[in-house]
Amino acid sequence: MKNEGPHISIKPDHLFDLGGFPVTNSFVTAVIVLVIFFFVAVYYNSQVNKTKRSNFFYLLQFMFKGIYNFFQTVLGSKMAELFPLIATLFIYILLLNWFGLLPGVGSILYKVVEDHEHFHFVPLLRGNTTDLNTTLILALVSFFSIQYYGIRELGVGGYLGKFFNFSSPISIVTGLLEIVSEFSRIISFAFRLFGNIFAGEVTLTIIAFLIPVLASFPFLMLEIFVGFIQAFVFAMLTAVFINLATTKSH
């Protein structure tokens, strides 16, 4: 089957089944990024106790210190405890966003056999944050982290008191609005990240198809910036909401 135009699909493409588990092209990308993330973490940890360290170690250390110092302005003394969560969200989402911009992602095709006579080609790799399943899971991780730290800091009664306050009719209505606002963050987190990254992928695909010679380069630079901003916004909002959740209401 011959592809007549750019392949654009709002959902990830199914490649094959592995022990009954459907493997999609976005899942393959996520596995590759996780492996890279893991080995970089192991490498950094192995360099910590060495007297002679590599330049890559100092680059990573510079990046970690930058993340720590910046988010400390939001979280204050809580940053020491929350740094693993905030830094992991930021770096992992950033790697996912940028990996989707590498040459070959979306252009290397994989043959999917439907039956003995029919088959079609789909991209072997796809940016993982263009998969709504991924952004929804990340949103749920952020949401439950906010609830966990809020309850741990204020106690169950103190935290739920922000939402269930029956001292006056206004307090009741305000509490209900806070509940709606709290759960709407899941949709906001998921669709903001998905929408921005997916729109960028579609733009790059169409531009590269219409004008293949270097025309997409400015858009690629823009998407590198957008990928950074979206990772930063996700981590920043998580930090801000955790800070709000752990602050006693007045």
Protein backbone atom coordinates (compact mmCIF):
# COMPACT_ATOMS: atom_id res chain seq x y z
CA MET A 1 0.00 0.00 0.00
CA LYS A 2 1.49 3.33 -1.04
CA ASN A 3 1.32 6.42 1.19
CA GLU A 4 -0.01 9.38 -0.85
CA GLY A 5 0.47 12.06 1.78
CA PRO A 6 1.70 12.80 5.28
CA HIS A 7 0.55 10.39 7.97
CA ILE A 8 -1.40 12.28 10.66
CA SER A 9 -3.33 10.39 13.29
CA ILE A 10 -4.71 11.76 16.55
CA LYS A 11 -4.26 8.37 18.19
CA PRO A 12 -1.06 6.28 18.27
CA ASP A 13 -0.68 3.56 15.66
CA HIS A 14 -0.77 -0.07 16.70
CA LEU A 15 2.41 -1.92 15.66
CA PHE A 16 2.12 -5.41 17.11
CA ASP A 17 1.05 -7.37 20.18
CA LEU A 18 3.51 -8.53 22.81
CA GLY A 19 2.04 -11.23 25.02
CA GLY A 20 -1.44 -9.85 24.45
CA PHE A 21 -0.29 -6.29 25.17
CA PRO A 22 -0.80 -3.88 22.24
CA VAL A 23 2.43 -2.03 21.42
CA THR A 24 2.00 1.38 19.78
CA ASN A 25 4.58 3.65 18.18
CA SER A 26 4.26 6.17 21.00
CA PHE A 27 4.86 3.39 23.54
CA VAL A 28 8.08 2.39 21.75
CA THR A 29 9.24 6.01 22.01
CA ALA A 30 8.40 6.09 25.72
CA VAL A 31 10.45 2.93 26.33
CA ILE A 32 13.46 4.41 24.51
CA VAL A 33 13.24 7.65 26.51
CA LEU A 34 12.87 5.72 29.78
CA VAL A 35 15.97 3.67 28.97
CA ILE A 36 17.92 6.86 28.21
CA PHE A 37 16.61 8.46 31.40
CA PHE A 38 17.61 5.41 33.45
CA PHE A 39 21.14 5.15 32.11
CA VAL A 40 21.77 8.88 32.52
CA ALA A 41 20.62 8.61 36.16
CA VAL A 42 22.87 5.59 36.76
CA TYR A 43 25.80 7.39 35.12
CA TYR A 44 25.27 10.53 37.22
CA ASN A 45 25.07 8.48 40.42
CA SER A 46 28.27 6.61 39.54
CA GLN A 47 30.13 9.91 39.08
CA VAL A 48 29.06 11.51 42.36
CA ASN A 49 31.71 9.86 44.56
CA LYS A 50 34.54 10.09 42.05
CA THR A 51 37.32 12.66 42.45
CA LYS A 52 37.74 13.08 38.70
CA ARG A 53 34.40 13.65 37.01
CA SER A 54 33.43 14.04 33.38
CA ASN A 55 32.23 17.23 31.72
CA PHE A 56 28.86 15.60 31.13
CA PHE A 57 28.48 15.12 34.88
CA TYR A 58 29.09 18.82 35.50
CA LEU A 59 26.60 19.69 32.77
CA LEU A 60 23.97 17.54 34.48
CA GLN A 61 24.85 19.00 37.87
CA PHE A 62 24.56 22.53 36.51
CA MET A 63 21.11 21.68 35.11
CA PHE A 64 19.94 20.09 38.38
CA LYS A 65 21.13 23.07 40.42
CA GLY A 66 19.36 25.42 38.04
CA ILE A 67 16.10 23.49 38.39
CA TYR A 68 16.48 23.34 42.17
CA ASN A 69 17.23 27.03 42.62
CA PHE A 70 14.45 28.17 40.31
CA PHE A 71 11.67 26.04 41.80
CA GLN A 72 12.87 26.85 45.30
CA THR A 73 11.50 30.36 44.76
CA VAL A 74 8.05 28.75 44.60
CA LEU A 75 8.32 25.94 47.15
CA GLY A 76 10.82 27.43 49.62
CA SER A 77 11.89 24.95 52.28
CA LYS A 78 9.66 22.24 50.74
CA MET A 79 11.91 22.06 47.66
CA ALA A 80 14.42 19.68 49.27
CA GLU A 81 11.70 17.06 49.64
CA LEU A 82 9.85 17.78 46.40
CA PHE A 83 12.88 18.11 44.14
CA PRO A 84 12.81 14.45 42.94
CA LEU A 85 9.16 14.79 41.86
CA ILE A 86 9.41 18.22 40.23
CA ALA A 87 12.75 17.56 38.52
CA THR A 88 11.60 14.16 37.24
CA LEU A 89 8.41 15.61 35.75
CA PHE A 90 10.30 18.46 34.09
CA ILE A 91 13.19 16.41 32.67
CA TYR A 92 11.08 13.42 31.61
CA ILE A 93 8.48 15.55 29.79
CA LEU A 94 11.27 17.61 28.22
CA LEU A 95 12.97 14.45 26.91
CA LEU A 96 9.67 13.14 25.55
CA ASN A 97 8.94 16.44 23.80
CA TRP A 98 12.40 16.79 22.28
CA PHE A 99 12.76 13.13 21.31
CA GLY A 100 9.68 13.52 19.13
CA LEU A 101 11.58 16.14 17.09
CA LEU A 102 14.55 13.92 16.23
CA PRO A 103 15.09 12.88 12.58
CA GLY A 104 13.40 9.55 11.89
CA VAL A 105 10.61 10.00 14.42
CA GLY A 106 7.47 9.93 12.30
CA SER A 107 9.36 9.25 9.06
CA ILE A 108 10.72 5.71 9.59
CA LEU A 109 7.88 3.43 8.56
CA TYR A 110 6.88 0.03 9.90
CA LYS A 111 4.94 -2.53 7.89
CA VAL A 112 1.77 -3.67 9.67
CA VAL A 113 0.23 -6.81 8.18
CA GLU A 114 -3.54 -6.94 8.49
CA ASP A 115 -3.92 -10.33 6.80
CA HIS A 116 -2.14 -12.32 4.09
CA GLU A 117 -3.16 -9.87 1.35
CA HIS A 118 -3.48 -6.50 3.05
CA PHE A 119 -0.92 -4.39 4.85
CA HIS A 120 -0.13 -0.76 5.49
CA PHE A 121 2.76 1.35 6.72
CA VAL A 122 2.75 3.43 9.89
CA PRO A 123 5.49 5.44 11.63
CA LEU A 124 7.66 3.25 13.85
CA LEU A 125 8.19 6.08 16.33
CA ARG A 126 5.91 8.89 17.48
CA GLY A 127 6.38 11.62 20.05
CA ASN A 128 5.00 10.18 23.27
CA THR A 129 3.42 13.42 24.50
CA THR A 130 1.31 13.49 21.32
CA ASP A 131 -0.47 10.48 22.86
CA LEU A 132 -3.35 11.58 25.09
CA ASN A 133 -2.93 8.42 27.19
CA THR A 134 0.53 9.63 28.26
CA THR A 135 -0.47 13.20 29.06
CA LEU A 136 -3.49 11.94 31.01
CA ILE A 137 -1.29 9.64 33.12
CA LEU A 138 1.15 12.50 33.77
CA ALA A 139 -1.80 14.69 34.76
CA LEU A 140 -3.02 12.02 37.20
CA VAL A 141 0.47 11.71 38.71
CA SER A 142 0.51 15.46 39.29
CA PHE A 143 -3.07 15.48 40.63
CA PHE A 144 -2.57 12.67 43.14
CA SER A 145 0.77 14.14 44.23
CA ILE A 146 -1.00 17.40 45.04
CA GLN A 147 -3.64 15.58 47.09
CA TYR A 148 -1.05 13.41 48.85
CA TYR A 149 1.14 16.28 50.02
CA GLY A 150 -1.90 18.38 50.95
CA ILE A 151 -3.34 15.64 53.16
CA ARG A 152 0.05 14.77 54.64
CA GLU A 153 0.79 18.38 55.55
CA LEU A 154 -2.65 19.45 56.84
CA GLY A 155 -4.19 16.14 57.83
CA VAL A 156 -7.35 14.68 56.31
CA GLY A 157 -9.68 17.02 58.20
CA GLY A 158 -7.62 20.13 57.58
CA TYR A 159 -7.25 19.45 53.88
CA LEU A 160 -10.86 18.46 53.25
CA GLY A 161 -11.91 21.55 55.22
CA LYS A 162 -10.79 23.61 52.23
CA PHE A 163 -13.56 22.01 50.17
CA PHE A 164 -16.26 21.20 52.73
CA ASN A 165 -16.93 24.27 54.82
CA PHE A 166 -20.51 24.55 56.11
CA SER A 167 -20.04 27.72 58.16
CA SER A 168 -22.06 29.79 55.68
CA PRO A 169 -23.87 29.41 52.33
CA ILE A 170 -21.07 31.28 50.56
CA SER A 171 -18.49 28.90 52.03
CA ILE A 172 -20.49 25.92 50.79
CA VAL A 173 -20.66 27.30 47.23
CA THR A 174 -16.98 28.27 47.32
CA GLY A 175 -16.05 24.77 48.46
CA LEU A 176 -18.02 23.20 45.61
CA LEU A 177 -16.26 25.48 43.13
CA GLU A 178 -12.92 24.46 44.63
CA ILE A 179 -13.77 20.78 44.12
CA VAL A 180 -14.66 21.40 40.46
CA SER A 181 -11.48 23.46 40.03
CA GLU A 182 -9.38 20.71 41.61
CA PHE A 183 -10.62 17.98 39.28
CA SER A 184 -10.57 20.24 36.22
CA ARG A 185 -6.79 20.41 36.62
CA ILE A 186 -6.57 16.84 35.31
CA ILE A 187 -8.16 17.90 32.02
CA SER A 188 -6.15 21.11 31.92
CA PHE A 189 -2.82 19.36 32.50
CA ALA A 190 -3.54 16.57 30.01
CA PHE A 191 -4.98 18.59 27.12
CA ARG A 192 -2.58 21.53 27.41
CA LEU A 193 0.47 19.31 26.99
CA PHE A 194 -1.16 17.06 24.38
CA GLY A 195 -2.62 19.91 22.33
CA ASN A 196 0.54 21.98 22.10
CA ILE A 197 2.88 19.11 21.24
CA PHE A 198 0.46 17.41 18.82
CA ALA A 199 -0.19 20.70 17.03
CA GLY A 200 3.55 21.21 16.64
CA GLU A 201 3.99 17.71 15.22
CA VAL A 202 1.21 18.29 12.68
CA THR A 203 2.71 21.63 11.66
CA LEU A 204 6.17 20.15 11.10
CA THR A 205 4.72 17.22 9.15
CA ILE A 206 2.68 19.40 6.81
CA ILE A 207 5.47 21.94 6.22
CA ALA A 208 8.02 19.20 5.53
CA PHE A 209 5.59 17.56 3.08
CA LEU A 210 4.73 20.74 1.19
CA ILE A 211 8.20 22.31 1.12
CA PRO A 212 10.74 19.60 1.96
CA VAL A 213 13.96 21.62 1.62
CA LEU A 214 14.84 23.33 4.96
CA ALA A 215 11.48 25.12 5.13
CA SER A 216 10.59 23.38 8.38
CA PHE A 217 13.82 24.43 10.16
CA PRO A 218 12.37 27.66 11.73
CA PHE A 219 9.35 25.67 12.89
CA LEU A 220 11.66 23.02 14.33
CA MET A 221 13.46 25.68 16.39
CA LEU A 222 10.07 26.94 17.55
CA GLU A 223 9.00 23.45 18.58
CA ILE A 224 12.21 22.95 20.56
CA PHE A 225 11.30 26.08 22.49
CA VAL A 226 7.65 25.00 22.86
CA GLY A 227 8.75 21.58 24.13
CA PHE A 228 10.84 23.26 26.82
CA ILE A 229 8.06 25.68 27.79
CA GLN A 230 5.45 22.93 28.07
CA ALA A 231 7.69 20.81 30.31
CA PHE A 232 8.44 23.88 32.42
CA VAL A 233 4.77 24.89 32.69
CA PHE A 234 3.73 21.37 33.72
CA ALA A 235 6.36 21.18 36.46
CA MET A 236 5.74 24.77 37.58
CA LEU A 237 1.98 24.33 37.90
CA THR A 238 2.52 21.11 39.85
CA ALA A 239 4.85 22.99 42.22
CA VAL A 240 2.42 25.91 42.60
CA PHE A 241 -0.58 23.65 43.27
CA ILE A 242 1.35 21.56 45.80
CA ASN A 243 2.38 24.76 47.56
CA LEU A 244 -1.26 25.90 47.65
CA ALA A 245 -2.45 22.50 48.83
CA THR A 246 0.01 22.48 51.75
CA THR A 247 -0.90 26.03 52.86
CA LYS A 248 -3.53 26.39 55.55
CA SER A 249 -6.66 28.21 54.43
CA HIS A 250 -7.79 31.33 56.28
